[in-house]
Amino acid sequence: INFDESYSLNINYRFQSGIGVGYTFVNKPHFNFLLSDGFVYETSDLTDPVLGKDIYQTVRNSFRVKYKWSFKNTVILQGTNFIQPSLISLKDYILKFNNQLSVKLNKWLAINAAMDYNKISRTNRENLLITYGVTIDKYF
């Protein structure tokens, strides 16, 4: 189940719920890789660039690739990426890519970078967010 809204993607609201199957191809301590596929029912209120307000419902195929790779718990690369085409129209699709890189400098300090890319073909909008920062882990 997912609910979201986004000013930059012209989404007033979007609700998705669905079911599917997934399979973990690799499940090792330093590498995980899984694929899942299923069907998602979506109801949305969008702002179409030509038509204006666009309230609609559709069923989508939702394909997900999820991975996590770590090198000696120092470098960690992980991501969750979705491709969601509508079953009604191939011109209606959603792309969501979320990937992160973290490098531990010592046991309590790490530098991080993340990239999030979203595209909604129905509104003809996309965004790319790149973030970076420092994580300090200190437990009391």
N, C-alpha and C. Protein backbone atom coordinates (compact mmCIF):
# COMPACT_ATOMS: atom_id res chain seq x y z
N ILE A 1 0.86 -1.18 0.00
CA ILE A 1 0.00 0.00 0.00
C ILE A 1 0.89 1.23 0.00
N ASN A 2 0.55 2.20 -0.82
CA ASN A 2 1.33 3.43 -0.92
C ASN A 2 0.40 4.61 -1.14
N PHE A 3 0.65 5.71 -0.45
CA PHE A 3 -0.05 6.96 -0.67
C PHE A 3 1.00 8.05 -0.81
N ASP A 4 0.88 8.87 -1.84
CA ASP A 4 1.82 9.96 -1.98
C ASP A 4 1.20 11.15 -2.69
N GLU A 5 1.87 12.28 -2.55
CA GLU A 5 1.53 13.49 -3.27
C GLU A 5 2.85 14.20 -3.58
N SER A 6 2.87 14.92 -4.68
CA SER A 6 4.10 15.58 -5.10
C SER A 6 3.78 16.81 -5.93
N TYR A 7 4.23 17.94 -5.46
CA TYR A 7 4.02 19.19 -6.20
C TYR A 7 4.79 19.16 -7.52
N SER A 8 6.06 18.72 -7.48
CA SER A 8 6.89 18.75 -8.68
C SER A 8 6.43 17.77 -9.76
N LEU A 9 5.76 16.69 -9.36
CA LEU A 9 5.27 15.70 -10.33
C LEU A 9 3.80 15.91 -10.69
N ASN A 10 3.18 16.98 -10.16
CA ASN A 10 1.76 17.30 -10.37
C ASN A 10 0.83 16.21 -9.86
N ILE A 11 1.18 15.60 -8.72
CA ILE A 11 0.33 14.59 -8.10
C ILE A 11 -0.36 15.24 -6.91
N ASN A 12 -1.68 15.43 -7.00
CA ASN A 12 -2.45 15.94 -5.87
C ASN A 12 -2.59 14.84 -4.82
N TYR A 13 -2.91 13.64 -5.26
CA TYR A 13 -2.83 12.44 -4.42
C TYR A 13 -2.75 11.22 -5.33
N ARG A 14 -2.14 10.18 -4.83
CA ARG A 14 -2.09 8.90 -5.54
C ARG A 14 -2.10 7.80 -4.49
N PHE A 15 -3.02 6.88 -4.64
CA PHE A 15 -3.13 5.73 -3.74
C PHE A 15 -2.92 4.47 -4.56
N GLN A 16 -2.01 3.61 -4.11
CA GLN A 16 -1.75 2.35 -4.79
C GLN A 16 -1.82 1.22 -3.77
N SER A 17 -2.44 0.13 -4.17
CA SER A 17 -2.41 -1.09 -3.36
C SER A 17 -2.34 -2.27 -4.32
N GLY A 18 -1.65 -3.31 -3.88
CA GLY A 18 -1.49 -4.43 -4.80
C GLY A 18 -0.95 -5.66 -4.14
N ILE A 19 -0.71 -6.64 -4.99
CA ILE A 19 -0.20 -7.93 -4.54
C ILE A 19 0.68 -8.49 -5.63
N GLY A 20 1.67 -9.25 -5.23
CA GLY A 20 2.57 -9.83 -6.22
C GLY A 20 3.44 -10.90 -5.59
N VAL A 21 4.38 -11.37 -6.36
CA VAL A 21 5.31 -12.38 -5.90
C VAL A 21 6.72 -11.86 -6.07
N GLY A 22 7.61 -12.34 -5.22
CA GLY A 22 9.00 -11.94 -5.31
C GLY A 22 9.89 -13.14 -5.08
N TYR A 23 11.09 -13.02 -5.57
CA TYR A 23 12.05 -14.11 -5.39
C TYR A 23 13.42 -13.51 -5.09
N THR A 24 14.04 -14.01 -4.04
CA THR A 24 15.39 -13.60 -3.68
C THR A 24 16.36 -14.52 -4.40
N PHE A 25 17.11 -13.96 -5.35
CA PHE A 25 18.07 -14.75 -6.12
C PHE A 25 19.36 -14.96 -5.35
N VAL A 26 19.80 -13.97 -4.62
CA VAL A 26 21.03 -14.07 -3.83
C VAL A 26 20.72 -13.50 -2.45
N ASN A 27 21.05 -14.25 -1.40
CA ASN A 27 20.84 -13.80 -0.03
C ASN A 27 22.07 -14.17 0.79
N LYS A 28 23.13 -13.43 0.57
CA LYS A 28 24.39 -13.66 1.27
C LYS A 28 24.62 -12.50 2.22
N PRO A 29 25.52 -12.66 3.19
CA PRO A 29 25.75 -11.56 4.15
C PRO A 29 26.18 -10.24 3.49
N HIS A 30 26.90 -10.32 2.38
CA HIS A 30 27.40 -9.09 1.76
C HIS A 30 26.72 -8.75 0.43
N PHE A 31 25.76 -9.55 0.00
CA PHE A 31 25.06 -9.25 -1.25
C PHE A 31 23.66 -9.85 -1.23
N ASN A 32 22.67 -9.00 -1.46
CA ASN A 32 21.27 -9.43 -1.60
C ASN A 32 20.75 -8.91 -2.93
N PHE A 33 19.97 -9.74 -3.61
CA PHE A 33 19.36 -9.34 -4.88
C PHE A 33 18.01 -10.01 -5.00
N LEU A 34 16.96 -9.21 -5.17
CA LEU A 34 15.63 -9.79 -5.34
C LEU A 34 14.84 -9.05 -6.39
N LEU A 35 13.95 -9.80 -7.03
CA LEU A 35 13.03 -9.27 -8.03
C LEU A 35 11.62 -9.57 -7.56
N SER A 36 10.71 -8.64 -7.81
CA SER A 36 9.31 -8.91 -7.53
C SER A 36 8.47 -8.32 -8.65
N ASP A 37 7.31 -8.92 -8.85
CA ASP A 37 6.40 -8.48 -9.89
C ASP A 37 4.99 -8.73 -9.40
N GLY A 38 4.10 -7.81 -9.71
CA GLY A 38 2.72 -7.96 -9.27
C GLY A 38 1.83 -6.95 -9.94
N PHE A 39 0.60 -6.90 -9.45
CA PHE A 39 -0.40 -5.98 -9.98
C PHE A 39 -0.77 -4.98 -8.91
N VAL A 40 -0.93 -3.73 -9.33
CA VAL A 40 -1.24 -2.64 -8.42
C VAL A 40 -2.47 -1.91 -8.95
N TYR A 41 -3.45 -1.71 -8.06
CA TYR A 41 -4.60 -0.87 -8.38
C TYR A 41 -4.25 0.55 -7.95
N GLU A 42 -4.49 1.51 -8.81
CA GLU A 42 -4.14 2.91 -8.52
C GLU A 42 -5.33 3.81 -8.76
N THR A 43 -5.55 4.72 -7.82
CA THR A 43 -6.51 5.81 -8.02
C THR A 43 -5.75 7.10 -7.75
N SER A 44 -5.89 8.07 -8.66
CA SER A 44 -5.05 9.27 -8.60
C SER A 44 -5.84 10.52 -8.95
N ASP A 45 -5.35 11.63 -8.44
CA ASP A 45 -5.80 12.96 -8.80
C ASP A 45 -4.55 13.71 -9.23
N LEU A 46 -4.41 13.90 -10.54
CA LEU A 46 -3.22 14.53 -11.11
C LEU A 46 -3.59 15.85 -11.77
N THR A 47 -2.58 16.62 -12.09
CA THR A 47 -2.76 17.82 -12.88
C THR A 47 -2.11 17.57 -14.24
N ASP A 48 -2.94 17.31 -15.25
CA ASP A 48 -2.45 17.04 -16.60
C ASP A 48 -2.03 18.35 -17.26
N PRO A 49 -0.90 18.37 -18.00
CA PRO A 49 -0.45 19.62 -18.62
C PRO A 49 -1.41 20.17 -19.68
N VAL A 50 -2.22 19.32 -20.29
CA VAL A 50 -3.14 19.76 -21.33
C VAL A 50 -4.57 19.84 -20.81
N LEU A 51 -5.02 18.78 -20.11
CA LEU A 51 -6.41 18.68 -19.68
C LEU A 51 -6.72 19.36 -18.35
N GLY A 52 -5.72 19.64 -17.56
CA GLY A 52 -5.96 20.19 -16.22
C GLY A 52 -6.14 19.07 -15.23
N LYS A 53 -7.17 19.16 -14.38
CA LYS A 53 -7.41 18.16 -13.35
C LYS A 53 -7.74 16.81 -13.99
N ASP A 54 -7.06 15.76 -13.53
CA ASP A 54 -7.20 14.43 -14.12
C ASP A 54 -7.37 13.42 -13.00
N ILE A 55 -8.60 13.00 -12.74
CA ILE A 55 -8.88 11.98 -11.73
C ILE A 55 -9.13 10.68 -12.48
N TYR A 56 -8.36 9.66 -12.15
CA TYR A 56 -8.48 8.41 -12.89
C TYR A 56 -8.11 7.23 -12.02
N GLN A 57 -8.41 6.04 -12.54
CA GLN A 57 -8.07 4.77 -11.91
C GLN A 57 -7.46 3.87 -12.98
N THR A 58 -6.51 3.05 -12.57
CA THR A 58 -5.91 2.11 -13.52
C THR A 58 -5.33 0.94 -12.74
N VAL A 59 -5.00 -0.10 -13.47
CA VAL A 59 -4.27 -1.25 -12.92
C VAL A 59 -2.91 -1.25 -13.59
N ARG A 60 -1.89 -1.39 -12.77
CA ARG A 60 -0.51 -1.37 -13.27
C ARG A 60 0.18 -2.69 -12.97
N ASN A 61 1.15 -3.02 -13.82
CA ASN A 61 2.11 -4.05 -13.50
C ASN A 61 3.20 -3.34 -12.70
N SER A 62 3.64 -3.92 -11.62
CA SER A 62 4.67 -3.30 -10.79
C SER A 62 5.86 -4.25 -10.70
N PHE A 63 6.95 -3.87 -11.34
CA PHE A 63 8.17 -4.68 -11.34
C PHE A 63 9.20 -3.97 -10.49
N ARG A 64 9.79 -4.69 -9.53
CA ARG A 64 10.76 -4.10 -8.60
C ARG A 64 12.07 -4.87 -8.62
N VAL A 65 13.16 -4.14 -8.58
CA VAL A 65 14.50 -4.69 -8.41
C VAL A 65 15.05 -4.09 -7.12
N LYS A 66 15.45 -4.96 -6.20
CA LYS A 66 16.00 -4.50 -4.93
C LYS A 66 17.34 -5.18 -4.71
N TYR A 67 18.33 -4.41 -4.26
CA TYR A 67 19.66 -4.98 -4.07
C TYR A 67 20.35 -4.29 -2.90
N LYS A 68 21.33 -4.98 -2.36
CA LYS A 68 22.22 -4.41 -1.35
C LYS A 68 23.55 -5.14 -1.47
N TRP A 69 24.61 -4.36 -1.62
CA TRP A 69 25.95 -4.90 -1.71
C TRP A 69 26.82 -4.16 -0.71
N SER A 70 27.60 -4.91 0.06
CA SER A 70 28.52 -4.26 0.99
C SER A 70 29.90 -4.91 0.86
N PHE A 71 30.90 -4.08 1.03
CA PHE A 71 32.29 -4.54 0.98
C PHE A 71 32.87 -4.33 2.36
N LYS A 72 33.05 -5.43 3.07
CA LYS A 72 33.62 -5.43 4.42
C LYS A 72 32.91 -4.45 5.36
N ASN A 73 31.60 -4.29 5.16
CA ASN A 73 30.79 -3.35 5.95
C ASN A 73 31.36 -1.93 5.95
N THR A 74 32.14 -1.61 4.93
CA THR A 74 32.71 -0.27 4.81
C THR A 74 32.01 0.51 3.70
N VAL A 75 31.84 -0.11 2.56
CA VAL A 75 31.14 0.50 1.43
C VAL A 75 29.83 -0.25 1.25
N ILE A 76 28.72 0.48 1.27
CA ILE A 76 27.40 -0.14 1.11
C ILE A 76 26.68 0.57 -0.03
N LEU A 77 26.27 -0.22 -1.02
CA LEU A 77 25.49 0.27 -2.15
C LEU A 77 24.16 -0.47 -2.12
N GLN A 78 23.06 0.29 -2.10
CA GLN A 78 21.74 -0.35 -2.05
C GLN A 78 20.73 0.47 -2.84
N GLY A 79 19.68 -0.22 -3.28
CA GLY A 79 18.66 0.48 -4.04
C GLY A 79 17.38 -0.32 -4.19
N THR A 80 16.32 0.43 -4.45
CA THR A 80 15.02 -0.14 -4.76
C THR A 80 14.49 0.62 -5.97
N ASN A 81 14.20 -0.09 -7.05
CA ASN A 81 13.83 0.54 -8.31
C ASN A 81 12.55 -0.10 -8.85
N PHE A 82 11.60 0.75 -9.27
CA PHE A 82 10.29 0.30 -9.75
C PHE A 82 10.06 0.75 -11.18
N ILE A 83 9.43 -0.12 -11.96
CA ILE A 83 8.87 0.23 -13.26
C ILE A 83 7.42 -0.20 -13.20
N GLN A 84 6.49 0.75 -13.44
CA GLN A 84 5.07 0.46 -13.28
C GLN A 84 4.27 0.95 -14.50
N PRO A 85 4.22 0.15 -15.56
CA PRO A 85 3.37 0.52 -16.69
C PRO A 85 1.91 0.17 -16.44
N SER A 86 1.01 0.99 -16.98
CA SER A 86 -0.42 0.71 -16.89
C SER A 86 -0.76 -0.44 -17.83
N LEU A 87 -1.70 -1.27 -17.43
CA LEU A 87 -2.16 -2.36 -18.30
C LEU A 87 -3.14 -1.85 -19.36
N ILE A 88 -3.63 -0.63 -19.20
CA ILE A 88 -4.60 -0.06 -20.13
C ILE A 88 -3.89 0.67 -21.28
N SER A 89 -2.81 1.40 -20.97
CA SER A 89 -2.09 2.17 -21.99
C SER A 89 -0.60 2.11 -21.72
N LEU A 90 0.18 1.73 -22.72
CA LEU A 90 1.63 1.66 -22.57
C LEU A 90 2.26 3.05 -22.46
N LYS A 91 1.53 4.10 -22.84
CA LYS A 91 2.04 5.46 -22.71
C LYS A 91 1.95 5.97 -21.28
N ASP A 92 1.23 5.24 -20.42
CA ASP A 92 1.04 5.62 -19.02
C ASP A 92 1.95 4.74 -18.16
N TYR A 93 3.04 5.31 -17.66
CA TYR A 93 3.97 4.53 -16.84
C TYR A 93 4.56 5.42 -15.75
N ILE A 94 5.09 4.74 -14.73
CA ILE A 94 5.77 5.40 -13.62
C ILE A 94 7.14 4.75 -13.46
N LEU A 95 8.17 5.57 -13.31
CA LEU A 95 9.51 5.09 -13.01
C LEU A 95 9.92 5.67 -11.66
N LYS A 96 10.44 4.82 -10.78
CA LYS A 96 10.93 5.26 -9.47
C LYS A 96 12.24 4.54 -9.19
N PHE A 97 13.32 5.30 -9.10
CA PHE A 97 14.64 4.73 -8.83
C PHE A 97 15.19 5.40 -7.58
N ASN A 98 15.51 4.60 -6.56
CA ASN A 98 16.07 5.09 -5.30
C ASN A 98 17.33 4.29 -5.00
N ASN A 99 18.49 4.95 -5.00
CA ASN A 99 19.76 4.28 -4.80
C ASN A 99 20.63 5.09 -3.84
N GLN A 100 21.36 4.38 -2.97
CA GLN A 100 22.20 5.04 -1.97
C GLN A 100 23.58 4.39 -1.93
N LEU A 101 24.56 5.23 -1.59
CA LEU A 101 25.93 4.79 -1.38
C LEU A 101 26.39 5.34 -0.04
N SER A 102 26.97 4.49 0.78
CA SER A 102 27.48 4.90 2.09
C SER A 102 28.89 4.34 2.25
N VAL A 103 29.79 5.19 2.74
CA VAL A 103 31.16 4.78 2.99
C VAL A 103 31.48 5.08 4.44
N LYS A 104 31.76 4.02 5.21
CA LYS A 104 32.11 4.21 6.62
C LYS A 104 33.57 4.61 6.74
N LEU A 105 33.81 5.70 7.44
CA LEU A 105 35.18 6.16 7.67
C LEU A 105 35.75 5.51 8.93
N ASN A 106 34.90 5.28 9.90
CA ASN A 106 35.22 4.46 11.07
C ASN A 106 33.90 3.90 11.60
N LYS A 107 33.89 3.29 12.78
CA LYS A 107 32.67 2.58 13.20
C LYS A 107 31.50 3.51 13.53
N TRP A 108 31.72 4.80 13.73
CA TRP A 108 30.63 5.70 14.05
C TRP A 108 30.44 6.85 13.06
N LEU A 109 31.26 6.94 12.00
CA LEU A 109 31.18 8.04 11.04
C LEU A 109 31.14 7.51 9.61
N ALA A 110 30.19 8.01 8.83
CA ALA A 110 30.06 7.59 7.43
C ALA A 110 29.67 8.79 6.57
N ILE A 111 30.07 8.75 5.31
CA ILE A 111 29.60 9.74 4.34
C ILE A 111 28.61 9.03 3.43
N ASN A 112 27.56 9.75 3.03
CA ASN A 112 26.45 9.14 2.28
C ASN A 112 26.11 9.97 1.06
N ALA A 113 25.61 9.30 0.05
CA ALA A 113 25.06 9.97 -1.13
C ALA A 113 23.86 9.15 -1.59
N ALA A 114 22.84 9.84 -2.07
CA ALA A 114 21.64 9.16 -2.55
C ALA A 114 21.13 9.85 -3.81
N MET A 115 20.52 9.06 -4.68
CA MET A 115 19.92 9.57 -5.90
C MET A 115 18.51 9.00 -6.02
N ASP A 116 17.54 9.89 -6.16
CA ASP A 116 16.14 9.50 -6.36
C ASP A 116 15.68 10.11 -7.67
N TYR A 117 15.12 9.26 -8.55
CA TYR A 117 14.60 9.73 -9.83
C TYR A 117 13.16 9.23 -9.95
N ASN A 118 12.26 10.13 -10.31
CA ASN A 118 10.85 9.79 -10.50
C ASN A 118 10.37 10.37 -11.82
N LYS A 119 9.58 9.60 -12.54
CA LYS A 119 8.96 10.09 -13.77
C LYS A 119 7.53 9.58 -13.83
N ILE A 120 6.62 10.50 -14.12
CA ILE A 120 5.20 10.19 -14.31
C ILE A 120 4.88 10.58 -15.75
N SER A 121 4.65 9.61 -16.61
CA SER A 121 4.42 9.93 -18.02
C SER A 121 3.08 10.63 -18.23
N ARG A 122 2.10 10.34 -17.39
CA ARG A 122 0.76 10.91 -17.55
C ARG A 122 0.77 12.43 -17.35
N THR A 123 1.62 12.93 -16.47
CA THR A 123 1.73 14.38 -16.26
C THR A 123 2.92 14.97 -17.01
N ASN A 124 3.71 14.11 -17.65
CA ASN A 124 4.90 14.53 -18.38
C ASN A 124 5.87 15.29 -17.46
N ARG A 125 6.00 14.79 -16.23
CA ARG A 125 6.88 15.43 -15.24
C ARG A 125 7.87 14.41 -14.71
N GLU A 126 9.04 14.90 -14.33
CA GLU A 126 10.06 14.06 -13.72
C GLU A 126 10.87 14.90 -12.75
N ASN A 127 11.50 14.24 -11.79
CA ASN A 127 12.41 14.96 -10.90
C ASN A 127 13.59 14.07 -10.55
N LEU A 128 14.67 14.71 -10.23
CA LEU A 128 15.91 14.04 -9.85
C LEU A 128 16.41 14.73 -8.59
N LEU A 129 16.56 13.95 -7.52
CA LEU A 129 17.03 14.48 -6.26
C LEU A 129 18.34 13.79 -5.91
N ILE A 130 19.36 14.57 -5.66
CA ILE A 130 20.66 14.04 -5.24
C ILE A 130 20.96 14.64 -3.87
N THR A 131 21.20 13.77 -2.91
CA THR A 131 21.51 14.24 -1.56
C THR A 131 22.83 13.62 -1.10
N TYR A 132 23.48 14.30 -0.21
CA TYR A 132 24.71 13.79 0.36
C TYR A 132 24.83 14.32 1.78
N GLY A 133 25.60 13.64 2.58
CA GLY A 133 25.74 14.08 3.95
C GLY A 133 26.65 13.17 4.75
N VAL A 134 26.59 13.39 6.04
CA VAL A 134 27.43 12.66 7.00
C VAL A 134 26.49 12.01 8.01
N THR A 135 26.79 10.77 8.39
CA THR A 135 26.05 10.07 9.44
C THR A 135 26.98 9.83 10.61
N ILE A 136 26.49 10.23 11.77
CA ILE A 136 27.23 9.98 13.01
C ILE A 136 26.38 9.05 13.86
N ASP A 137 26.87 7.84 14.10
CA ASP A 137 26.18 6.85 14.93
C ASP A 137 26.82 6.82 16.30
N LYS A 138 26.08 7.26 17.28
CA LYS A 138 26.57 7.20 18.66
C LYS A 138 25.42 6.72 19.53
N TYR A 139 25.60 5.62 20.20
CA TYR A 139 24.57 5.04 21.04
C TYR A 139 24.91 5.29 22.50
N PHE A 140 23.90 5.70 23.25
CA PHE A 140 24.10 6.01 24.68
C PHE A 140 23.52 4.92 25.54
